[in-house]
Amino acid sequence: MEAMQANLNPDLGLGPWPEELWPDLTHVVTEDDTPVESWYQERQMSLLGATLNISWQGPGDGRPFLAGTDIGVFGPDLKPIVPDLVLGLDVQAPQLTASHKKKGDRSWFTFRYGPPLLGAEIVSTAQEGTKLSEYAALGVRYVVIWDPLQYLSRRRLRIYRLEGQTYRLLKSRFIPEMRLGLKMWRGTYMGIQELWLRWCDENGNLLASPEEAAQDVRSERALAEAERARADTERARAERLAERLRALGLDDT
């Protein structure tokens, strides 16, 4: 358990705010082009983010969601945190133009979208911290810490929920607002055999990764083609039988 003070504006909160009340974004740096990730970390981020965007339809009732990896999250003080995965519900993706001129569309600003529901961190070094105080200041409800090499704790997976101004470590791996959970899975993703963190449904069934979704499509196409071939074979057999009956004068049509 860790207690963190959330930096709430008593008048406006963390957002969303009317656009005319947004702070000046002129000098905010939303991209610095300096990512340094391991192959595993890059693929783990992809597995979490792409799986949601490909295989999840949201928690139901037509609620939209917005999920991304390595996206800056800014509060009203414009000091960013960059989760490995960020996700929010009831948030529409920005309609980006080719030039991305509107800076308010480039990152997650809490005064535009409100606080994210969830941020996730993939621990890759022993020097890395958990950033819980920064997440608390932004009002992020859930923080997922995935520490596959156990640099920071004996627990590989920790999920925290913000209750008031305090983060509490959860026993459950289920996020009720998402109707999804997280589970560890050992297998191959993008050519790497490793222990991965995956999304699952209420029954523990894994959401399909991009590779698995593509394989499912190929399998469905193969089954459809096999069914068409079987139907063609049956049709040809029936036509041959009908032709033989006609030749024997037994066709009563």
Protein backbone atom coordinates (compact mmCIF):
# COMPACT_ATOMS: atom_id res chain seq x y z
CA MET A 1 0.00 0.00 0.00
CA GLU A 2 1.29 3.46 -0.87
CA ALA A 3 -0.36 6.77 0.00
CA MET A 4 -0.17 9.45 -2.71
CA GLN A 5 -1.66 12.94 -2.77
CA ALA A 6 -3.70 13.60 -5.89
CA ASN A 7 -3.15 17.12 -7.22
CA LEU A 8 -6.79 18.07 -7.82
CA ASN A 9 -7.90 21.52 -8.89
CA PRO A 10 -10.72 22.36 -6.45
CA ASP A 11 -12.67 24.18 -9.14
CA LEU A 12 -12.08 22.13 -12.29
CA GLY A 13 -10.56 18.84 -11.13
CA LEU A 14 -8.40 16.94 -13.57
CA GLY A 15 -10.72 17.28 -16.53
CA PRO A 16 -12.17 17.36 -19.02
CA TRP A 17 -12.26 21.17 -19.11
CA PRO A 18 -13.86 23.53 -21.62
CA GLU A 19 -11.24 24.16 -24.31
CA GLU A 20 -11.12 27.88 -23.58
CA LEU A 21 -9.77 27.05 -20.11
CA TRP A 22 -6.95 24.81 -21.32
CA PRO A 23 -3.45 25.99 -20.42
CA ASP A 24 -1.19 27.29 -23.19
CA LEU A 25 0.30 24.27 -25.01
CA THR A 26 2.60 26.23 -27.31
CA HIS A 27 5.83 25.09 -25.71
CA VAL A 28 4.75 21.60 -24.61
CA VAL A 29 6.93 18.84 -26.08
CA THR A 30 4.67 15.92 -26.97
CA GLU A 31 7.25 13.88 -28.93
CA ASP A 32 10.98 13.70 -28.31
CA ASP A 33 11.88 10.82 -30.68
CA THR A 34 14.16 9.16 -28.11
CA PRO A 35 12.60 5.80 -27.20
CA VAL A 36 15.05 3.26 -25.80
CA GLU A 37 13.35 -0.08 -25.24
CA SER A 38 14.44 -3.70 -25.18
CA TRP A 39 12.99 -6.08 -27.76
CA TYR A 40 10.94 -7.72 -25.01
CA GLN A 41 9.60 -4.43 -23.66
CA GLU A 42 8.67 -3.21 -27.14
CA ARG A 43 6.81 -6.43 -27.90
CA GLN A 44 5.12 -6.55 -24.50
CA MET A 45 3.78 -3.04 -25.04
CA SER A 46 2.56 -4.12 -28.48
CA LEU A 47 0.93 -7.24 -27.08
CA LEU A 48 -1.04 -5.28 -24.48
CA GLY A 49 -2.00 -2.35 -26.69
CA ALA A 50 -2.59 -4.02 -30.05
CA THR A 51 -4.60 -6.86 -28.49
CA LEU A 52 -7.07 -4.36 -27.05
CA ASN A 53 -7.39 -2.43 -30.29
CA ILE A 54 -7.83 -5.56 -32.42
CA SER A 55 -9.70 -8.05 -30.23
CA TRP A 56 -11.67 -5.97 -27.71
CA GLN A 57 -14.91 -4.13 -28.32
CA GLY A 58 -14.88 -2.25 -25.02
CA PRO A 59 -16.76 -3.23 -21.84
CA GLY A 60 -20.13 -3.28 -23.58
CA ASP A 61 -23.07 -0.91 -24.06
CA GLY A 62 -21.25 0.75 -26.96
CA ARG A 63 -18.78 2.54 -24.70
CA PRO A 64 -15.77 3.76 -26.67
CA PHE A 65 -12.23 3.41 -25.40
CA LEU A 66 -8.83 4.82 -26.24
CA ALA A 67 -5.66 2.79 -25.70
CA GLY A 68 -2.09 3.51 -26.74
CA THR A 69 1.53 2.77 -25.93
CA ASP A 70 4.28 5.28 -25.11
CA ILE A 71 1.79 8.17 -25.13
CA GLY A 72 2.51 11.18 -22.94
CA VAL A 73 -0.08 11.90 -20.24
CA PHE A 74 -0.17 15.54 -19.10
CA GLY A 75 -1.99 17.07 -16.17
CA PRO A 76 -2.80 20.78 -15.75
CA ASP A 77 0.81 21.45 -14.67
CA LEU A 78 1.93 20.03 -18.07
CA LYS A 79 4.51 17.73 -16.47
CA PRO A 80 4.23 14.47 -18.43
CA ILE A 81 4.36 10.83 -17.50
CA VAL A 82 4.77 8.28 -20.30
CA PRO A 83 3.11 4.95 -19.45
CA ASP A 84 4.01 1.88 -21.45
CA LEU A 85 0.24 1.53 -21.90
CA VAL A 86 -2.51 4.04 -21.21
CA LEU A 87 -6.23 3.36 -21.47
CA GLY A 88 -9.42 5.30 -20.91
CA LEU A 89 -13.12 4.56 -21.27
CA ASP A 90 -15.75 6.83 -22.81
CA VAL A 91 -12.99 8.56 -24.76
CA GLN A 92 -13.11 9.16 -28.49
CA ALA A 93 -9.87 8.92 -30.46
CA PRO A 94 -8.81 12.30 -31.87
CA GLN A 95 -9.38 12.89 -35.55
CA LEU A 96 -5.76 13.45 -36.50
CA THR A 97 -4.85 15.33 -39.65
CA ALA A 98 -1.81 14.58 -41.76
CA SER A 99 0.06 17.46 -40.16
CA HIS A 100 -1.15 16.85 -36.56
CA LYS A 101 -1.11 20.62 -36.12
CA LYS A 102 -3.43 20.71 -33.11
CA LYS A 103 -1.14 19.98 -30.16
CA GLY A 104 -4.08 19.08 -27.95
CA ASP A 105 -4.63 16.01 -30.18
CA ARG A 106 -1.10 14.66 -29.91
CA SER A 107 -1.04 13.35 -26.35
CA TRP A 108 -3.32 12.53 -23.44
CA PHE A 109 -4.17 15.79 -21.68
CA THR A 110 -6.31 15.21 -18.62
CA PHE A 111 -8.03 18.56 -19.05
CA ARG A 112 -9.26 17.29 -22.41
CA TYR A 113 -9.98 13.60 -21.82
CA GLY A 114 -10.11 13.35 -18.05
CA PRO A 115 -7.74 11.04 -16.15
CA PRO A 116 -6.98 7.68 -17.78
CA LEU A 117 -8.61 4.65 -16.26
CA LEU A 118 -5.37 2.68 -16.35
CA GLY A 119 -1.66 3.09 -16.84
CA ALA A 120 0.80 0.21 -17.13
CA GLU A 121 4.54 0.06 -16.56
CA ILE A 122 6.85 -2.70 -17.82
CA VAL A 123 9.88 -2.82 -15.53
CA SER A 124 13.09 -3.34 -17.48
CA THR A 125 15.87 -2.25 -15.08
CA ALA A 126 16.64 -2.53 -11.39
CA GLN A 127 16.90 1.27 -11.21
CA GLU A 128 13.37 1.85 -12.46
CA GLY A 129 10.76 3.21 -10.06
CA THR A 130 7.02 2.61 -10.08
CA LYS A 131 5.98 6.28 -10.60
CA LEU A 132 2.98 5.81 -8.31
CA SER A 133 3.17 9.35 -6.97
CA GLU A 134 3.03 10.73 -10.52
CA TYR A 135 0.09 8.53 -11.43
CA ALA A 136 -1.73 9.61 -8.27
CA ALA A 137 -1.23 13.28 -9.13
CA LEU A 138 -2.92 12.63 -12.48
CA GLY A 139 -5.82 10.74 -10.90
CA VAL A 140 -5.18 7.47 -12.78
CA ARG A 141 -7.50 4.92 -11.21
CA TYR A 142 -5.48 1.74 -11.86
CA VAL A 143 -1.74 1.27 -12.18
CA VAL A 144 -0.38 -2.04 -13.46
CA ILE A 145 3.24 -2.90 -12.70
CA TRP A 146 4.60 -5.82 -14.75
CA ASP A 147 8.00 -6.86 -13.44
CA PRO A 148 8.82 -10.13 -15.27
CA LEU A 149 12.42 -10.29 -14.01
CA GLN A 150 11.39 -9.34 -10.46
CA TYR A 151 13.66 -6.31 -10.26
CA LEU A 152 11.43 -4.42 -7.82
CA SER A 153 9.48 -7.13 -6.03
CA ARG A 154 8.95 -10.86 -5.74
CA ARG A 155 5.56 -10.17 -7.29
CA ARG A 156 5.81 -10.11 -11.06
CA LEU A 157 2.37 -8.53 -11.42
CA ARG A 158 0.95 -5.84 -9.17
CA ILE A 159 -2.27 -3.92 -9.76
CA TYR A 160 -3.03 -0.80 -7.71
CA ARG A 161 -6.32 1.06 -7.40
CA LEU A 162 -6.57 4.70 -6.37
CA GLU A 163 -8.99 5.00 -3.45
CA GLY A 164 -9.35 8.61 -2.44
CA GLN A 165 -5.74 9.76 -2.33
CA THR A 166 -4.25 6.34 -1.60
CA TYR A 167 -3.15 3.55 -3.91
CA ARG A 168 -4.02 0.11 -2.59
CA LEU A 169 -2.54 -3.10 -3.90
CA LEU A 170 -5.32 -5.36 -5.17
CA LYS A 171 -5.53 -9.09 -4.65
CA SER A 172 -7.63 -9.52 -7.78
CA ARG A 173 -6.20 -9.29 -11.29
CA PHE A 174 -9.59 -8.28 -12.69
CA ILE A 175 -10.49 -4.72 -13.74
CA PRO A 176 -14.29 -4.56 -13.28
CA GLU A 177 -14.75 -1.36 -15.28
CA MET A 178 -13.16 -3.08 -18.28
CA ARG A 179 -14.68 -6.51 -17.64
CA LEU A 180 -11.18 -7.80 -18.35
CA GLY A 181 -8.38 -9.26 -16.32
CA LEU A 182 -4.65 -9.79 -16.70
CA LYS A 183 -2.84 -13.10 -16.60
CA MET A 184 0.64 -14.43 -17.17
CA TRP A 185 1.17 -16.59 -20.26
CA ARG A 186 4.28 -18.36 -21.44
CA GLY A 187 4.47 -18.66 -25.18
CA THR A 188 5.81 -17.14 -28.38
CA TYR A 189 4.90 -13.65 -29.52
CA MET A 190 6.55 -12.01 -32.52
CA GLY A 191 9.27 -14.64 -32.53
CA ILE A 192 10.20 -14.40 -28.83
CA GLN A 193 9.51 -17.30 -26.46
CA GLU A 194 8.98 -15.71 -23.05
CA LEU A 195 6.63 -15.05 -20.14
CA TRP A 196 4.12 -12.41 -21.21
CA LEU A 197 1.34 -10.37 -19.62
CA ARG A 198 -1.95 -10.86 -21.48
CA TRP A 199 -5.53 -9.63 -21.30
CA CYS A 200 -8.25 -12.18 -20.58
CA ASP A 201 -12.02 -12.21 -20.19
CA GLU A 202 -14.02 -12.96 -17.05
CA ASN A 203 -13.56 -16.70 -17.63
CA GLY A 204 -9.80 -16.47 -18.08
CA ASN A 205 -9.90 -16.84 -21.86
CA LEU A 206 -7.12 -14.88 -23.55
CA LEU A 207 -7.97 -12.06 -25.92
CA ALA A 208 -6.44 -12.87 -29.29
CA SER A 209 -3.14 -11.20 -30.09
CA PRO A 210 -2.70 -9.68 -33.56
CA GLU A 211 -0.90 -12.83 -34.69
CA GLU A 212 -3.63 -15.08 -33.27
CA ALA A 213 -6.40 -12.94 -34.74
CA ALA A 214 -4.75 -13.17 -38.16
CA GLN A 215 -4.41 -16.94 -37.77
CA ASP A 216 -8.09 -17.17 -36.78
CA VAL A 217 -9.03 -15.29 -39.95
CA ARG A 218 -6.86 -17.60 -42.05
CA SER A 219 -8.39 -20.64 -40.34
CA GLU A 220 -11.92 -19.35 -40.96
CA ARG A 221 -11.10 -18.73 -44.60
CA ALA A 222 -9.60 -22.22 -44.92
CA LEU A 223 -12.72 -23.75 -43.36
CA ALA A 224 -14.95 -21.73 -45.68
CA GLU A 225 -12.92 -22.81 -48.70
CA ALA A 226 -13.03 -26.43 -47.56
CA GLU A 227 -16.80 -26.18 -47.13
CA ARG A 228 -17.16 -24.69 -50.62
CA ALA A 229 -14.98 -27.48 -52.05
CA ARG A 230 -17.08 -30.10 -50.25
CA ALA A 231 -20.29 -28.54 -51.57
CA ASP A 232 -18.86 -28.45 -55.10
CA THR A 233 -17.88 -32.12 -54.82
CA GLU A 234 -21.35 -33.07 -53.61
CA ARG A 235 -22.98 -31.06 -56.37
CA ALA A 236 -20.79 -32.70 -59.03
CA ARG A 237 -21.54 -36.17 -57.59
CA ALA A 238 -25.28 -35.45 -57.67
CA GLU A 239 -25.04 -34.23 -61.27
CA ARG A 240 -23.15 -37.39 -62.32
CA LEU A 241 -25.76 -39.58 -60.61
CA ALA A 242 -28.59 -37.69 -62.31
CA GLU A 243 -26.87 -38.10 -65.68
CA ARG A 244 -26.54 -41.86 -65.15
CA LEU A 245 -30.22 -42.13 -64.20
CA ARG A 246 -31.21 -40.25 -67.35
CA ALA A 247 -29.04 -42.55 -69.45
CA LEU A 248 -30.83 -45.56 -67.97
CA GLY A 249 -34.23 -43.97 -68.52
CA LEU A 250 -34.88 -43.86 -64.83
CA ASP A 251 -35.09 -40.11 -64.56
CA ASP A 252 -38.72 -39.30 -63.66
CA THR A 253 -38.40 -35.53 -64.01
